[in-house]
Amino acid sequence: MEIDIFPLPSTKGIHRHIGMAFLGLVIITYVVGAYKVAQQLIGEDKELLCFLVTIPIFIGGYAVLILLLHCIKQSLYAYFKRNRKELNNRVDRENMDNYIVQHWEDTQKALDKAQTKEIPQSDVAISVHASLEEHSEDKPSDDDLQPSIMPELKQALKAAQRNLASFMQQLHIDRIQLTEAKEKQDREKLENILRYTRLVLLPHGFSDEELYQIEEAVKLLVQCNGIVNGVSVKIEKNKLKQADLKNFAWNIGNQYNIDAEVLAMFVLNLFHSWFKNTERESIRKTLRNTNGKYSIDIDENIIEHLPMLEAKVLGINCK
C-alpha cells in the first residue's frame, strides 16, 4: 500500500523552495501543537517530561492525518474507477455535441447545395463567337497575305465558328444529361438504402415513428455525413443486440465509404438506449461483427440483395 507523506514538488527554482518552506511550517506547527497538548496533560512545570511526551503525540497525530488523507485519496480513486464508463460517456457525449454543432453549418450548406441545380451559362458560345469575330477583325490586312490564301482562311474561320457554336450547344446538353443521370442514380441509391433500412428493421418491433426517425437519420448520414442529436430521437430498446445495430450501420456506411468514427457516433446517438454504458472507441473498433449468429448480418452488397430481403420479410418472390 502506497502512502504519500507530504511529497515535495519536483519543480526546480522558487516553487520548490516555497514547497519546502510550507512543509517546514506544517511540521513546526505540529510539534508546537503536540507540546501544548503535553503541557495540558502533564503540567507546564515539568518541561523535560513534556518534551518527551511531545514525541509520541506528534508521531501519533501525524500518522492519523496521513491515514486520513490516504483514505480520502483511495475513496476518490475507487469512485472514479467505478464510474469511469459513465464519466467517459459523458465526455464522449459532450464531444459529439460539439461535433454536431461544429459541423451543422457544413451540413446546412450541403443540404442547400443539394437542392440547387447547376445552371450552365447559355451565352458561352455567343461570347466565344464574338471573341473570334473580334480576333478576325484584328487579322493582318489582305495586302500582307497572298491573295490565294485569303479565301481559304475566311472559309476555315467561318466553319470553325459554326462548329464551335454547335459544339458548345451539344456540350451544354451533355452536361445537363450527365447531371440528371447522376441525380437519378443518387436518388435511386438513396431510395434503395432507405428501403433496406425499413425492411431490415421492420420485423423487430419498431414503431412507425421510430422507423421514420431512423430513416431520417440515415438520410442525413449518407447525404451530408451528419449526425442526429441523441436528445431529439426517442427509440426504445428491444430484442436486437448491439452487434446487430453496429452491423446495420456498417452495411450502410460501406455503400458510401463513411468513416468508422462517424458511424460510431451515428450508432451511439441514434440507438443510445442500447449503448448508454458503451464508449465510442469501443463501438468504432467493433463495427463489423461476423463471428456468431445475428439478426442483422454483415452484407457488402445490400442493394443487390434487396430483392432477397423483400422475399424474406414480405414474402415477395424473387425474379
C-alpha atoms as a PDB file:
ATOM      1  CA  MET A   1       0.000   0.000   0.000  1.00  0.00           C
ATOM      2  CA  GLU A   2       1.487   3.339  -1.094  1.00  0.00           C
ATOM      3  CA  ILE A   3       1.125   6.301   1.263  1.00  0.00           C
ATOM      4  CA  ASP A   4       2.397   9.730   0.271  1.00  0.00           C
ATOM      5  CA  ILE A   5       3.817  11.652   3.257  1.00  0.00           C
ATOM      6  CA  PHE A   6       3.949  15.294   2.199  1.00  0.00           C
ATOM      7  CA  PRO A   7       5.540  14.712  -1.259  1.00  0.00           C
ATOM      8  CA  LEU A   8       7.706  17.603  -2.311  1.00  0.00           C
ATOM      9  CA  PRO A   9       7.219  19.123  -5.779  1.00  0.00           C
ATOM     10  CA  SER A  10       9.905  18.183  -8.288  1.00  0.00           C
ATOM     11  CA  THR A  11       9.914  21.631  -9.868  1.00  0.00           C
ATOM     12  CA  LYS A  12      13.216  23.399  -9.594  1.00  0.00           C
ATOM     13  CA  GLY A  13      13.574  27.035  -8.587  1.00  0.00           C
ATOM     14  CA  ILE A  14      11.467  29.249  -6.368  1.00  0.00           C
ATOM     15  CA  HIS A  15       8.465  26.872  -6.405  1.00  0.00           C
ATOM     16  CA  ARG A  16      10.483  24.079  -4.790  1.00  0.00           C
ATOM     17  CA  HIS A  17      11.741  26.424  -2.047  1.00  0.00           C
ATOM     18  CA  ILE A  18       8.200  27.593  -1.347  1.00  0.00           C
ATOM     19  CA  GLY A  19       7.054  23.945  -1.042  1.00  0.00           C
ATOM     20  CA  MET A  20       9.859  23.103   1.358  1.00  0.00           C
ATOM     21  CA  ALA A  21       9.119  26.207   3.447  1.00  0.00           C
ATOM     22  CA  PHE A  22       5.429  25.235   3.631  1.00  0.00           C
ATOM     23  CA  LEU A  23       6.350  21.687   4.683  1.00  0.00           C
ATOM     24  CA  GLY A  24       8.654  23.001   7.395  1.00  0.00           C
ATOM     25  CA  LEU A  25       5.932  25.339   8.642  1.00  0.00           C
ATOM     26  CA  VAL A  26       3.459  22.454   8.885  1.00  0.00           C
ATOM     27  CA  ILE A  27       5.934  20.273  10.819  1.00  0.00           C
ATOM     28  CA  ILE A  28       6.782  23.089  13.242  1.00  0.00           C
ATOM     29  CA  THR A  29       3.055  23.712  13.786  1.00  0.00           C
ATOM     30  CA  TYR A  30       2.543  20.019  14.555  1.00  0.00           C
ATOM     31  CA  VAL A  31       5.453  19.997  17.039  1.00  0.00           C
ATOM     32  CA  VAL A  32       4.200  23.108  18.839  1.00  0.00           C
ATOM     33  CA  GLY A  33       0.681  21.699  18.952  1.00  0.00           C
ATOM     34  CA  ALA A  34       1.931  18.381  20.341  1.00  0.00           C
ATOM     35  CA  TYR A  35       3.959  20.220  23.003  1.00  0.00           C
ATOM     36  CA  LYS A  36       0.916  22.268  24.047  1.00  0.00           C
ATOM     37  CA  VAL A  37      -1.138  19.077  24.352  1.00  0.00           C
ATOM     38  CA  ALA A  38       1.621  17.515  26.504  1.00  0.00           C
ATOM     39  CA  GLN A  39       1.581  20.573  28.785  1.00  0.00           C
ATOM     40  CA  GLN A  40      -2.167  20.271  29.211  1.00  0.00           C
ATOM     41  CA  LEU A  41      -1.848  16.581  30.128  1.00  0.00           C
ATOM     42  CA  ILE A  42       1.220  16.700  32.437  1.00  0.00           C
ATOM     43  CA  GLY A  43       1.600  20.291  33.544  1.00  0.00           C
ATOM     44  CA  GLU A  44       3.646  23.288  32.477  1.00  0.00           C
ATOM     45  CA  ASP A  45       6.216  22.943  35.292  1.00  0.00           C
ATOM     46  CA  LYS A  46       7.560  19.579  34.024  1.00  0.00           C
ATOM     47  CA  GLU A  47       9.281  20.756  30.838  1.00  0.00           C
ATOM     48  CA  LEU A  48      11.557  17.734  30.270  1.00  0.00           C
ATOM     49  CA  LEU A  49       8.702  15.261  30.661  1.00  0.00           C
ATOM     50  CA  CYS A  50       6.506  17.402  28.404  1.00  0.00           C
ATOM     51  CA  PHE A  51       9.216  17.346  25.746  1.00  0.00           C
ATOM     52  CA  LEU A  52       9.498  13.538  25.920  1.00  0.00           C
ATOM     53  CA  VAL A  53       5.728  13.099  25.706  1.00  0.00           C
ATOM     54  CA  THR A  54       5.611  15.506  22.746  1.00  0.00           C
ATOM     55  CA  ILE A  55       7.402  12.969  20.508  1.00  0.00           C
ATOM     56  CA  PRO A  56       4.779  10.147  20.618  1.00  0.00           C
ATOM     57  CA  ILE A  57       1.932  12.694  20.438  1.00  0.00           C
ATOM     58  CA  PHE A  58       3.478  14.254  17.337  1.00  0.00           C
ATOM     59  CA  ILE A  59       4.046  10.864  15.673  1.00  0.00           C
ATOM     60  CA  GLY A  60       0.546   9.633  16.536  1.00  0.00           C
ATOM     61  CA  GLY A  61      -1.204  12.797  15.323  1.00  0.00           C
ATOM     62  CA  TYR A  62       0.893  12.915  12.190  1.00  0.00           C
ATOM     63  CA  ALA A  63       0.115   9.261  11.424  1.00  0.00           C
ATOM     64  CA  VAL A  64      -3.625   9.859  11.917  1.00  0.00           C
ATOM     65  CA  LEU A  65      -3.529  12.807   9.479  1.00  0.00           C
ATOM     66  CA  ILE A  66      -1.625  10.805   6.847  1.00  0.00           C
ATOM     67  CA  LEU A  67      -4.005   7.857   7.139  1.00  0.00           C
ATOM     68  CA  LEU A  68      -6.991  10.216   6.862  1.00  0.00           C
ATOM     69  CA  LEU A  69      -5.580  11.812   3.707  1.00  0.00           C
ATOM     70  CA  HIS A  70      -4.789   8.366   2.299  1.00  0.00           C
ATOM     71  CA  CYS A  71      -8.363   7.181   2.936  1.00  0.00           C
ATOM     72  CA  ILE A  72      -9.733  10.232   1.139  1.00  0.00           C
ATOM     73  CA  LYS A  73      -7.397   9.563  -1.784  1.00  0.00           C
ATOM     74  CA  GLN A  74      -8.394   5.887  -2.001  1.00  0.00           C
ATOM     75  CA  SER A  75     -12.095   6.773  -1.781  1.00  0.00           C
ATOM     76  CA  LEU A  76     -11.788   9.227  -4.660  1.00  0.00           C
ATOM     77  CA  TYR A  77      -9.812   6.680  -6.690  1.00  0.00           C
ATOM     78  CA  ALA A  78     -12.467   3.986  -6.085  1.00  0.00           C
ATOM     79  CA  TYR A  79     -15.257   6.402  -7.044  1.00  0.00           C
ATOM     80  CA  PHE A  80     -13.643   7.415 -10.330  1.00  0.00           C
ATOM     81  CA  LYS A  81     -12.768   3.811 -11.126  1.00  0.00           C
ATOM     82  CA  ARG A  82     -16.355   2.670 -10.505  1.00  0.00           C
ATOM     83  CA  ASN A  83     -17.842   5.490 -12.574  1.00  0.00           C
ATOM     84  CA  ARG A  84     -15.164   5.520 -15.287  1.00  0.00           C
ATOM     85  CA  LYS A  85     -17.504   4.396 -18.068  1.00  0.00           C
ATOM     86  CA  GLU A  86     -20.198   6.879 -17.109  1.00  0.00           C
ATOM     87  CA  LEU A  87     -17.737   9.766 -16.898  1.00  0.00           C
ATOM     88  CA  ASN A  88     -16.102   8.812 -20.206  1.00  0.00           C
ATOM     89  CA  ASN A  89     -19.560   8.502 -21.747  1.00  0.00           C
ATOM     90  CA  ARG A  90     -20.372  11.991 -20.550  1.00  0.00           C
ATOM     91  CA  VAL A  91     -17.171  13.325 -22.102  1.00  0.00           C
ATOM     92  CA  ASP A  92     -17.908  11.478 -25.375  1.00  0.00           C
ATOM     93  CA  ARG A  93     -21.421  12.918 -25.367  1.00  0.00           C
ATOM     94  CA  GLU A  94     -20.035  16.441 -24.950  1.00  0.00           C
ATOM     95  CA  ASN A  95     -17.517  15.811 -27.747  1.00  0.00           C
ATOM     96  CA  MET A  96     -20.264  14.519 -30.030  1.00  0.00           C
ATOM     97  CA  ASP A  97     -22.462  17.528 -29.265  1.00  0.00           C
ATOM     98  CA  ASN A  98     -19.519  19.772 -30.136  1.00  0.00           C
ATOM     99  CA  TYR A  99     -19.020  17.784 -33.358  1.00  0.00           C
ATOM    100  CA  ILE A 100     -22.687  18.247 -34.283  1.00  0.00           C
ATOM    101  CA  VAL A 101     -22.567  21.984 -33.568  1.00  0.00           C
ATOM    102  CA  GLN A 102     -19.297  22.486 -35.459  1.00  0.00           C
ATOM    103  CA  HIS A 103     -20.474  20.542 -38.497  1.00  0.00           C
ATOM    104  CA  TRP A 104     -24.046  21.838 -38.519  1.00  0.00           C
ATOM    105  CA  GLU A 105     -23.118  24.779 -40.736  1.00  0.00           C
ATOM    106  CA  ASP A 106     -21.360  22.478 -43.213  1.00  0.00           C
ATOM    107  CA  THR A 107     -24.359  20.134 -43.149  1.00  0.00           C
ATOM    108  CA  GLN A 108     -26.733  23.008 -43.871  1.00  0.00           C
ATOM    109  CA  LYS A 109     -24.559  24.162 -46.763  1.00  0.00           C
ATOM    110  CA  ALA A 110     -24.523  20.633 -48.169  1.00  0.00           C
ATOM    111  CA  LEU A 111     -28.331  20.475 -47.944  1.00  0.00           C
ATOM    112  CA  ASP A 112     -28.679  23.829 -49.711  1.00  0.00           C
ATOM    113  CA  LYS A 113     -26.200  22.768 -52.361  1.00  0.00           C
ATOM    114  CA  ALA A 114     -28.077  19.511 -52.987  1.00  0.00           C
ATOM    115  CA  GLN A 115     -31.289  21.482 -53.611  1.00  0.00           C
ATOM    116  CA  THR A 116     -29.659  23.929 -56.023  1.00  0.00           C
ATOM    117  CA  LYS A 117     -29.153  22.715 -59.562  1.00  0.00           C
ATOM    118  CA  GLU A 118     -26.148  23.777 -61.542  1.00  0.00           C
ATOM    119  CA  ILE A 119     -27.232  26.040 -64.419  1.00  0.00           C
ATOM    120  CA  PRO A 120     -24.555  26.279 -67.141  1.00  0.00           C
ATOM    121  CA  GLN A 121     -24.099  29.636 -68.792  1.00  0.00           C
ATOM    122  CA  SER A 122     -26.007  29.748 -72.046  1.00  0.00           C
ATOM    123  CA  ASP A 123     -24.068  32.587 -73.568  1.00  0.00           C
ATOM    124  CA  VAL A 124     -20.687  30.826 -73.650  1.00  0.00           C
ATOM    125  CA  ALA A 125     -20.954  30.020 -77.312  1.00  0.00           C
ATOM    126  CA  ILE A 126     -22.051  33.579 -78.104  1.00  0.00           C
ATOM    127  CA  SER A 127     -19.137  35.092 -76.183  1.00  0.00           C
ATOM    128  CA  VAL A 128     -16.634  32.774 -77.845  1.00  0.00           C
ATOM    129  CA  HIS A 129     -18.198  33.555 -81.209  1.00  0.00           C
ATOM    130  CA  ALA A 130     -17.881  37.283 -80.555  1.00  0.00           C
ATOM    131  CA  SER A 131     -14.291  36.785 -79.410  1.00  0.00           C
ATOM    132  CA  LEU A 132     -13.441  35.016 -82.637  1.00  0.00           C
ATOM    133  CA  GLU A 133     -15.056  37.797 -84.639  1.00  0.00           C
ATOM    134  CA  GLU A 134     -13.065  40.356 -82.694  1.00  0.00           C
ATOM    135  CA  HIS A 135      -9.850  38.499 -83.400  1.00  0.00           C
ATOM    136  CA  SER A 136     -10.853  38.188 -87.047  1.00  0.00           C
ATOM    137  CA  GLU A 137     -11.162  41.959 -87.223  1.00  0.00           C
ATOM    138  CA  ASP A 138      -7.604  42.280 -85.905  1.00  0.00           C
ATOM    139  CA  LYS A 139      -6.193  39.992 -88.565  1.00  0.00           C
ATOM    140  CA  PRO A 140      -3.486  41.362 -90.873  1.00  0.00           C
ATOM    141  CA  SER A 141      -4.549  43.253 -93.970  1.00  0.00           C
ATOM    142  CA  ASP A 142      -5.105  41.484 -97.257  1.00  0.00           C
ATOM    143  CA  ASP A 143      -2.022  43.132 -98.680  1.00  0.00           C
ATOM    144  CA  ASP A 144       0.194  41.274 -96.192  1.00  0.00           C
ATOM    145  CA  LEU A 145      -1.035  37.818 -97.277  1.00  0.00           C
ATOM    146  CA  GLN A 146      -1.032  36.080-100.588  1.00  0.00           C
ATOM    147  CA  PRO A 147      -4.340  36.585-102.427  1.00  0.00           C
ATOM    148  CA  SER A 148      -4.723  32.833-102.979  1.00  0.00           C
ATOM    149  CA  ILE A 149      -4.717  32.058 -99.236  1.00  0.00           C
ATOM    150  CA  MET A 150      -7.279  34.663 -98.100  1.00  0.00           C
ATOM    151  CA  PRO A 151     -10.442  32.908 -99.341  1.00  0.00           C
ATOM    152  CA  GLU A 152      -9.392  29.636 -97.714  1.00  0.00           C
ATOM    153  CA  LEU A 153      -8.735  31.374 -94.394  1.00  0.00           C
ATOM    154  CA  LYS A 154     -12.119  33.081 -94.445  1.00  0.00           C
ATOM    155  CA  GLN A 155     -13.898  29.816 -95.177  1.00  0.00           C
ATOM    156  CA  ALA A 156     -11.962  27.984 -92.434  1.00  0.00           C
ATOM    157  CA  LEU A 157     -12.771  30.717 -89.910  1.00  0.00           C
ATOM    158  CA  LYS A 158     -16.500  30.620 -90.689  1.00  0.00           C
ATOM    159  CA  ALA A 159     -16.520  26.817 -90.467  1.00  0.00           C
ATOM    160  CA  ALA A 160     -14.725  26.973 -87.107  1.00  0.00           C
ATOM    161  CA  GLN A 161     -17.271  29.459 -85.790  1.00  0.00           C
ATOM    162  CA  ARG A 162     -20.179  27.265 -86.908  1.00  0.00           C
ATOM    163  CA  ASN A 163     -18.558  24.144 -85.425  1.00  0.00           C
ATOM    164  CA  LEU A 164     -17.781  25.904 -82.143  1.00  0.00           C
ATOM    165  CA  ALA A 165     -21.378  27.041 -81.694  1.00  0.00           C
ATOM    166  CA  SER A 166     -22.762  23.558 -82.326  1.00  0.00           C
ATOM    167  CA  PHE A 167     -20.072  22.033 -80.074  1.00  0.00           C
ATOM    168  CA  MET A 168     -20.962  24.347 -77.194  1.00  0.00           C
ATOM    169  CA  GLN A 169     -24.668  23.606 -77.601  1.00  0.00           C
ATOM    170  CA  GLN A 170     -24.061  19.856 -77.601  1.00  0.00           C
ATOM    171  CA  LEU A 171     -21.715  20.163 -74.610  1.00  0.00           C
ATOM    172  CA  HIS A 172     -24.389  22.085 -72.745  1.00  0.00           C
ATOM    173  CA  ILE A 173     -26.915  19.321 -73.453  1.00  0.00           C
ATOM    174  CA  ASP A 174     -24.435  16.608 -72.416  1.00  0.00           C
ATOM    175  CA  ARG A 175     -23.718  18.376 -69.115  1.00  0.00           C
ATOM    176  CA  ILE A 176     -27.425  18.605 -68.325  1.00  0.00           C
ATOM    177  CA  GLN A 177     -27.936  14.937 -69.179  1.00  0.00           C
ATOM    178  CA  LEU A 178     -24.906  13.939 -67.074  1.00  0.00           C
ATOM    179  CA  THR A 179     -26.183  15.954 -64.117  1.00  0.00           C
ATOM    180  CA  GLU A 180     -29.675  14.495 -64.421  1.00  0.00           C
ATOM    181  CA  ALA A 181     -28.291  10.949 -64.726  1.00  0.00           C
ATOM    182  CA  LYS A 182     -26.114  11.455 -61.646  1.00  0.00           C
ATOM    183  CA  GLU A 183     -29.024  12.887 -59.647  1.00  0.00           C
ATOM    184  CA  LYS A 184     -31.254   9.997 -60.744  1.00  0.00           C
ATOM    185  CA  GLN A 185     -28.586   7.452 -59.767  1.00  0.00           C
ATOM    186  CA  ASP A 186     -28.080   9.072 -56.360  1.00  0.00           C
ATOM    187  CA  ARG A 187     -31.837   9.284 -55.814  1.00  0.00           C
ATOM    188  CA  GLU A 188     -32.373   5.610 -56.677  1.00  0.00           C
ATOM    189  CA  LYS A 189     -29.460   4.571 -54.467  1.00  0.00           C
ATOM    190  CA  LEU A 190     -30.863   6.554 -51.533  1.00  0.00           C
ATOM    191  CA  GLU A 191     -34.319   5.046 -52.076  1.00  0.00           C
ATOM    192  CA  ASN A 192     -32.801   1.541 -52.002  1.00  0.00           C
ATOM    193  CA  ILE A 193     -30.853   2.346 -48.829  1.00  0.00           C
ATOM    194  CA  LEU A 194     -33.998   3.628 -47.110  1.00  0.00           C
ATOM    195  CA  ARG A 195     -35.889   0.589 -48.374  1.00  0.00           C
ATOM    196  CA  TYR A 196     -33.211  -1.660 -46.867  1.00  0.00           C
ATOM    197  CA  THR A 197     -33.421   0.274 -43.581  1.00  0.00           C
ATOM    198  CA  ARG A 198     -37.173  -0.171 -43.415  1.00  0.00           C
ATOM    199  CA  LEU A 199     -37.174  -3.866 -44.315  1.00  0.00           C
ATOM    200  CA  VAL A 200     -34.272  -4.937 -42.113  1.00  0.00           C
ATOM    201  CA  LEU A 201     -35.739  -3.250 -39.008  1.00  0.00           C
ATOM    202  CA  LEU A 202     -39.441  -3.885 -39.655  1.00  0.00           C
ATOM    203  CA  PRO A 203     -39.517  -7.453 -38.190  1.00  0.00           C
ATOM    204  CA  HIS A 204     -38.061  -6.298 -34.865  1.00  0.00           C
ATOM    205  CA  GLY A 205     -40.995  -4.373 -33.425  1.00  0.00           C
ATOM    206  CA  PHE A 206     -40.045  -0.772 -34.133  1.00  0.00           C
ATOM    207  CA  SER A 207     -42.980   1.646 -34.217  1.00  0.00           C
ATOM    208  CA  ASP A 208     -43.852   3.771 -37.239  1.00  0.00           C
ATOM    209  CA  GLU A 209     -42.441   6.865 -35.549  1.00  0.00           C
ATOM    210  CA  GLU A 210     -39.200   5.094 -34.675  1.00  0.00           C
ATOM    211  CA  LEU A 211     -38.757   3.783 -38.237  1.00  0.00           C
ATOM    212  CA  TYR A 212     -39.339   7.292 -39.579  1.00  0.00           C
ATOM    213  CA  GLN A 213     -36.734   8.753 -37.209  1.00  0.00           C
ATOM    214  CA  ILE A 214     -34.204   6.095 -38.198  1.00  0.00           C
ATOM    215  CA  GLU A 215     -34.775   6.701 -41.923  1.00  0.00           C
ATOM    216  CA  GLU A 216     -34.347  10.455 -41.479  1.00  0.00           C
ATOM    217  CA  ALA A 217     -31.137   9.872 -39.518  1.00  0.00           C
ATOM    218  CA  VAL A 218     -29.827   7.555 -42.274  1.00  0.00           C
ATOM    219  CA  LYS A 219     -30.726  10.148 -44.921  1.00  0.00           C
ATOM    220  CA  LEU A 220     -28.792  12.845 -43.046  1.00  0.00           C
ATOM    221  CA  LEU A 221     -25.835  10.485 -42.630  1.00  0.00           C
ATOM    222  CA  VAL A 222     -25.477   9.450 -46.284  1.00  0.00           C
ATOM    223  CA  GLN A 223     -26.290  12.828 -47.845  1.00  0.00           C
ATOM    224  CA  CYS A 224     -24.386  15.199 -45.552  1.00  0.00           C
ATOM    225  CA  ASN A 225     -22.237  12.971 -43.345  1.00  0.00           C
ATOM    226  CA  GLY A 226     -24.237  14.436 -40.460  1.00  0.00           C
ATOM    227  CA  ILE A 227     -25.190  13.014 -37.063  1.00  0.00           C
ATOM    228  CA  VAL A 228     -28.541  13.477 -35.333  1.00  0.00           C
ATOM    229  CA  ASN A 229     -28.645  14.744 -31.767  1.00  0.00           C
ATOM    230  CA  GLY A 230     -29.348  11.876 -29.372  1.00  0.00           C
ATOM    231  CA  VAL A 231     -31.717  14.048 -27.316  1.00  0.00           C
ATOM    232  CA  SER A 232     -34.043  14.605 -30.294  1.00  0.00           C
ATOM    233  CA  VAL A 233     -34.687  10.913 -31.081  1.00  0.00           C
ATOM    234  CA  LYS A 234     -36.806   8.533 -28.986  1.00  0.00           C
ATOM    235  CA  ILE A 235     -36.130   4.905 -29.896  1.00  0.00           C
ATOM    236  CA  GLU A 236     -36.843   2.307 -27.226  1.00  0.00           C
ATOM    237  CA  LYS A 237     -34.569  -0.677 -26.693  1.00  0.00           C
ATOM    238  CA  ASN A 238     -35.878  -4.026 -27.994  1.00  0.00           C
ATOM    239  CA  LYS A 239     -34.574  -7.556 -28.575  1.00  0.00           C
ATOM    240  CA  LEU A 240     -31.883  -6.517 -31.077  1.00  0.00           C
ATOM    241  CA  LYS A 241     -28.286  -6.781 -29.864  1.00  0.00           C
ATOM    242  CA  GLN A 242     -25.611  -4.132 -30.009  1.00  0.00           C
ATOM    243  CA  ALA A 243     -23.796  -6.171 -32.682  1.00  0.00           C
ATOM    244  CA  ASP A 244     -26.943  -6.135 -34.872  1.00  0.00           C
ATOM    245  CA  LEU A 245     -27.135  -2.345 -34.831  1.00  0.00           C
ATOM    246  CA  LYS A 246     -23.409  -1.988 -35.470  1.00  0.00           C
ATOM    247  CA  ASN A 247     -23.715  -4.358 -38.459  1.00  0.00           C
ATOM    248  CA  PHE A 248     -26.662  -2.298 -39.714  1.00  0.00           C
ATOM    249  CA  ALA A 249     -24.611   0.919 -39.547  1.00  0.00           C
ATOM    250  CA  TRP A 250     -21.598  -0.736 -41.206  1.00  0.00           C
ATOM    251  CA  ASN A 251     -23.723  -2.072 -44.090  1.00  0.00           C
ATOM    252  CA  ILE A 252     -24.999   1.421 -44.858  1.00  0.00           C
ATOM    253  CA  GLY A 253     -21.672   3.187 -44.321  1.00  0.00           C
ATOM    254  CA  ASN A 254     -19.933   0.707 -46.614  1.00  0.00           C
ATOM    255  CA  GLN A 255     -22.116   1.850 -49.545  1.00  0.00           C
ATOM    256  CA  TYR A 256     -20.889   5.446 -49.152  1.00  0.00           C
ATOM    257  CA  ASN A 257     -17.376   4.875 -47.705  1.00  0.00           C
ATOM    258  CA  ILE A 258     -18.292   6.683 -44.477  1.00  0.00           C
ATOM    259  CA  ASP A 259     -15.549   6.896 -41.852  1.00  0.00           C
ATOM    260  CA  ALA A 260     -15.775   4.492 -38.895  1.00  0.00           C
ATOM    261  CA  GLU A 261     -15.547   7.383 -36.417  1.00  0.00           C
ATOM    262  CA  VAL A 262     -18.667   8.979 -37.914  1.00  0.00           C
ATOM    263  CA  LEU A 263     -20.501   5.630 -37.930  1.00  0.00           C
ATOM    264  CA  ALA A 264     -19.661   5.092 -34.257  1.00  0.00           C
ATOM    265  CA  MET A 265     -21.158   8.482 -33.365  1.00  0.00           C
ATOM    266  CA  PHE A 266     -24.185   7.699 -35.571  1.00  0.00           C
ATOM    267  CA  VAL A 267     -24.850   4.446 -33.679  1.00  0.00           C
ATOM    268  CA  LEU A 268     -24.202   5.956 -30.245  1.00  0.00           C
ATOM    269  CA  ASN A 269     -26.545   8.914 -30.841  1.00  0.00           C
ATOM    270  CA  LEU A 270     -29.359   7.164 -32.705  1.00  0.00           C
ATOM    271  CA  PHE A 271     -29.503   3.984 -30.575  1.00  0.00           C
ATOM    272  CA  HIS A 272     -28.354   5.457 -27.255  1.00  0.00           C
ATOM    273  CA  SER A 273     -30.707   3.180 -25.276  1.00  0.00           C
ATOM    274  CA  TRP A 274     -28.503   0.230 -26.283  1.00  0.00           C
ATOM    275  CA  PHE A 275     -25.148   1.997 -25.884  1.00  0.00           C
ATOM    276  CA  LYS A 276     -25.566   4.241 -22.824  1.00  0.00           C
ATOM    277  CA  ASN A 277     -22.762   2.395 -20.983  1.00  0.00           C
ATOM    278  CA  THR A 278     -20.542   1.867 -24.043  1.00  0.00           C
ATOM    279  CA  GLU A 279     -17.633   4.039 -25.089  1.00  0.00           C
ATOM    280  CA  ARG A 280     -17.437   5.435 -28.615  1.00  0.00           C
ATOM    281  CA  GLU A 281     -13.980   3.985 -29.235  1.00  0.00           C
ATOM    282  CA  SER A 282     -15.254   0.514 -28.375  1.00  0.00           C
ATOM    283  CA  ILE A 283     -18.027   0.868 -30.964  1.00  0.00           C
ATOM    284  CA  ARG A 284     -15.601   2.117 -33.598  1.00  0.00           C
ATOM    285  CA  LYS A 285     -13.356  -0.937 -33.179  1.00  0.00           C
ATOM    286  CA  THR A 286     -16.227  -3.472 -33.340  1.00  0.00           C
ATOM    287  CA  LEU A 287     -18.494  -2.104 -36.088  1.00  0.00           C
ATOM    288  CA  ARG A 288     -18.139  -5.254 -38.205  1.00  0.00           C
ATOM    289  CA  ASN A 289     -19.312  -8.470 -36.450  1.00  0.00           C
ATOM    290  CA  THR A 290     -19.156 -11.746 -38.358  1.00  0.00           C
ATOM    291  CA  ASN A 291     -18.399 -14.366 -35.697  1.00  0.00           C
ATOM    292  CA  GLY A 292     -21.724 -15.694 -34.495  1.00  0.00           C
ATOM    293  CA  LYS A 293     -25.376 -15.579 -35.478  1.00  0.00           C
ATOM    294  CA  TYR A 294     -27.065 -12.196 -35.608  1.00  0.00           C
ATOM    295  CA  SER A 295     -30.446 -10.844 -36.643  1.00  0.00           C
ATOM    296  CA  ILE A 296     -28.707  -8.344 -38.944  1.00  0.00           C
ATOM    297  CA  ASP A 297     -25.690  -9.833 -40.719  1.00  0.00           C
ATOM    298  CA  ILE A 298     -22.824  -8.100 -42.474  1.00  0.00           C
ATOM    299  CA  ASP A 299     -23.700  -7.611 -46.164  1.00  0.00           C
ATOM    300  CA  GLU A 300     -21.386  -5.702 -48.504  1.00  0.00           C
ATOM    301  CA  ASN A 301     -23.985  -5.667 -51.333  1.00  0.00           C
ATOM    302  CA  ILE A 302     -27.239  -4.738 -49.622  1.00  0.00           C
ATOM    303  CA  ILE A 303     -28.638  -3.051 -52.743  1.00  0.00           C
ATOM    304  CA  GLU A 304     -28.064  -6.111 -54.950  1.00  0.00           C
ATOM    305  CA  HIS A 305     -29.519  -8.388 -52.260  1.00  0.00           C
ATOM    306  CA  LEU A 306     -32.569  -6.158 -51.668  1.00  0.00           C
ATOM    307  CA  PRO A 307     -34.947  -8.469 -53.655  1.00  0.00           C
ATOM    308  CA  MET A 308     -33.927 -11.398 -51.451  1.00  0.00           C
ATOM    309  CA  LEU A 309     -34.556  -9.295 -48.348  1.00  0.00           C
ATOM    310  CA  GLU A 310     -38.006  -8.363 -49.665  1.00  0.00           C
ATOM    311  CA  ALA A 311     -38.764 -12.047 -50.286  1.00  0.00           C
ATOM    312  CA  LYS A 312     -37.652 -12.914 -46.764  1.00  0.00           C
ATOM    313  CA  VAL A 313     -39.549 -10.155 -44.991  1.00  0.00           C
ATOM    314  CA  LEU A 314     -42.608  -9.610 -47.184  1.00  0.00           C
ATOM    315  CA  GLY A 315     -42.856 -12.970 -48.925  1.00  0.00           C
ATOM    316  CA  ILE A 316     -42.352 -11.477 -52.408  1.00  0.00           C
ATOM    317  CA  ASN A 317     -40.978 -13.926 -54.962  1.00  0.00           C
ATOM    318  CA  CYS A 318     -37.513 -13.079 -56.341  1.00  0.00           C
ATOM    319  CA  LYS A 319     -37.211 -12.985 -60.099  1.00  0.00           C
END
